[in-house]
Amino acid sequence: MWKQKKTKELWLALVTLLISVLGTVKSLGINLPNPLDMLSAILGPYPRAVYSLLQ
């Protein structure tokens, strides 16, 4: 699909694969982390640094 420039079909296949993997993991009872928690852990120090610079 990539070489044939079928981007819509590629995105649809990737989203479908992601949904099916998440459904399988959830049905197995594995706890998935919240994506916003990971994002706040990664970006946590930067807003505090900017805020301290602006005071």
N, C-alpha and C. Protein backbone atom coordinates (compact mmCIF):
# COMPACT_ATOMS: atom_id res chain seq x y z
N MET A 1 0.82 -1.19 0.00
CA MET A 1 0.00 0.00 0.00
C MET A 1 0.86 1.26 0.00
N TRP A 2 2.00 1.20 0.71
CA TRP A 2 2.85 2.38 0.81
C TRP A 2 3.42 2.77 -0.55
N LYS A 3 3.87 1.77 -1.30
CA LYS A 3 4.47 2.06 -2.60
C LYS A 3 3.43 2.48 -3.63
N GLN A 4 2.20 2.07 -3.44
CA GLN A 4 1.13 2.42 -4.37
C GLN A 4 0.45 3.73 -4.01
N LYS A 5 0.95 4.41 -2.97
CA LYS A 5 0.43 5.71 -2.52
C LYS A 5 -1.04 5.66 -2.12
N LYS A 6 -1.44 4.57 -1.49
CA LYS A 6 -2.81 4.45 -0.99
C LYS A 6 -2.82 4.80 0.49
N THR A 7 -2.75 6.10 0.76
CA THR A 7 -2.61 6.54 2.15
C THR A 7 -3.91 6.37 2.93
N LYS A 8 -5.06 6.58 2.31
CA LYS A 8 -6.31 6.42 3.03
C LYS A 8 -6.49 4.99 3.50
N GLU A 9 -6.21 4.05 2.63
CA GLU A 9 -6.35 2.65 2.99
C GLU A 9 -5.33 2.25 4.05
N LEU A 10 -4.13 2.82 3.97
CA LEU A 10 -3.10 2.53 4.95
C LEU A 10 -3.49 3.03 6.33
N TRP A 11 -4.01 4.26 6.40
CA TRP A 11 -4.46 4.80 7.68
C TRP A 11 -5.62 3.99 8.25
N LEU A 12 -6.54 3.61 7.39
CA LEU A 12 -7.67 2.81 7.84
C LEU A 12 -7.20 1.46 8.39
N ALA A 13 -6.25 0.83 7.73
CA ALA A 13 -5.72 -0.45 8.19
C ALA A 13 -4.99 -0.28 9.52
N LEU A 14 -4.22 0.80 9.67
CA LEU A 14 -3.50 1.03 10.92
C LEU A 14 -4.44 1.32 12.08
N VAL A 15 -5.48 2.10 11.84
CA VAL A 15 -6.44 2.39 12.90
C VAL A 15 -7.19 1.14 13.29
N THR A 16 -7.58 0.34 12.31
CA THR A 16 -8.27 -0.92 12.60
C THR A 16 -7.37 -1.86 13.39
N LEU A 17 -6.11 -1.94 13.02
CA LEU A 17 -5.17 -2.77 13.75
C LEU A 17 -5.00 -2.28 15.19
N LEU A 18 -4.89 -0.98 15.38
CA LEU A 18 -4.74 -0.42 16.71
C LEU A 18 -5.95 -0.71 17.58
N ILE A 19 -7.14 -0.55 17.03
CA ILE A 19 -8.36 -0.83 17.78
C ILE A 19 -8.45 -2.30 18.15
N SER A 20 -8.09 -3.17 17.24
CA SER A 20 -8.16 -4.60 17.53
C SER A 20 -7.11 -5.01 18.58
N VAL A 21 -5.92 -4.42 18.53
CA VAL A 21 -4.89 -4.73 19.53
C VAL A 21 -5.33 -4.22 20.90
N LEU A 22 -5.87 -3.02 20.96
CA LEU A 22 -6.33 -2.48 22.23
C LEU A 22 -7.49 -3.30 22.79
N GLY A 23 -8.39 -3.75 21.94
CA GLY A 23 -9.48 -4.59 22.38
C GLY A 23 -9.00 -5.93 22.91
N THR A 24 -8.02 -6.50 22.25
CA THR A 24 -7.45 -7.78 22.70
C THR A 24 -6.76 -7.62 24.05
N VAL A 25 -5.97 -6.56 24.19
CA VAL A 25 -5.26 -6.33 25.45
C VAL A 25 -6.26 -6.08 26.58
N LYS A 26 -7.29 -5.33 26.28
CA LYS A 26 -8.30 -5.03 27.30
C LYS A 26 -9.08 -6.29 27.69
N SER A 27 -9.35 -7.16 26.73
CA SER A 27 -10.09 -8.38 27.03
C SER A 27 -9.25 -9.38 27.82
N LEU A 28 -7.93 -9.27 27.72
CA LEU A 28 -7.06 -10.13 28.51
C LEU A 28 -6.90 -9.63 29.94
N GLY A 29 -7.45 -8.47 30.23
CA GLY A 29 -7.41 -7.93 31.58
C GLY A 29 -6.14 -7.18 31.92
N ILE A 30 -5.38 -6.80 30.93
CA ILE A 30 -4.15 -6.05 31.17
C ILE A 30 -4.50 -4.57 31.30
N ASN A 31 -4.05 -3.95 32.36
CA ASN A 31 -4.33 -2.52 32.57
C ASN A 31 -3.44 -1.68 31.67
N LEU A 32 -4.07 -0.80 30.93
CA LEU A 32 -3.34 0.11 30.06
C LEU A 32 -3.16 1.45 30.76
N PRO A 33 -1.99 2.06 30.65
CA PRO A 33 -1.80 3.37 31.28
C PRO A 33 -2.57 4.45 30.52
N ASN A 34 -2.93 5.47 31.24
CA ASN A 34 -3.62 6.60 30.65
C ASN A 34 -2.61 7.42 29.84
N PRO A 35 -2.88 7.70 28.58
CA PRO A 35 -1.91 8.47 27.76
C PRO A 35 -1.66 9.87 28.30
N LEU A 36 -2.65 10.48 28.94
CA LEU A 36 -2.44 11.82 29.48
C LEU A 36 -1.49 11.80 30.67
N ASP A 37 -1.47 10.71 31.43
CA ASP A 37 -0.51 10.59 32.53
C ASP A 37 0.92 10.53 32.00
N MET A 38 1.11 9.78 30.92
CA MET A 38 2.45 9.71 30.31
C MET A 38 2.86 11.06 29.75
N LEU A 39 1.93 11.76 29.12
CA LEU A 39 2.22 13.06 28.55
C LEU A 39 2.58 14.07 29.64
N SER A 40 1.86 14.05 30.74
CA SER A 40 2.17 14.98 31.83
C SER A 40 3.50 14.62 32.49
N ALA A 41 3.86 13.35 32.53
CA ALA A 41 5.15 12.97 33.09
C ALA A 41 6.30 13.43 32.21
N ILE A 42 6.10 13.39 30.90
CA ILE A 42 7.15 13.81 29.96
C ILE A 42 7.27 15.33 29.94
N LEU A 43 6.13 16.01 29.87
CA LEU A 43 6.14 17.46 29.74
C LEU A 43 6.05 18.19 31.07
N GLY A 44 6.02 17.49 32.16
CA GLY A 44 5.82 18.08 33.47
C GLY A 44 6.81 19.17 33.85
N PRO A 45 8.09 18.96 33.69
CA PRO A 45 9.04 19.98 34.14
C PRO A 45 9.04 21.26 33.30
N TYR A 46 8.66 21.19 32.04
CA TYR A 46 8.76 22.35 31.15
C TYR A 46 7.81 23.48 31.51
N PRO A 47 6.52 23.24 31.75
CA PRO A 47 5.67 24.36 32.15
C PRO A 47 6.08 25.00 33.48
N ARG A 48 6.57 24.18 34.40
CA ARG A 48 7.03 24.74 35.68
C ARG A 48 8.25 25.62 35.46
N ALA A 49 9.15 25.22 34.56
CA ALA A 49 10.35 26.02 34.28
C ALA A 49 9.96 27.34 33.61
N VAL A 50 9.05 27.29 32.66
CA VAL A 50 8.61 28.51 31.99
C VAL A 50 7.89 29.43 32.97
N TYR A 51 7.06 28.84 33.82
CA TYR A 51 6.34 29.63 34.80
C TYR A 51 7.30 30.30 35.78
N SER A 52 8.35 29.59 36.18
CA SER A 52 9.31 30.19 37.12
C SER A 52 10.11 31.30 36.44
N LEU A 53 10.34 31.19 35.14
CA LEU A 53 11.05 32.25 34.43
C LEU A 53 10.19 33.50 34.28
N LEU A 54 8.88 33.32 34.19
CA LEU A 54 8.00 34.46 33.96
C LEU A 54 7.65 35.20 35.26
N GLN A 55 7.97 34.64 36.39
CA GLN A 55 7.65 35.33 37.65
C GLN A 55 8.67 36.37 37.98
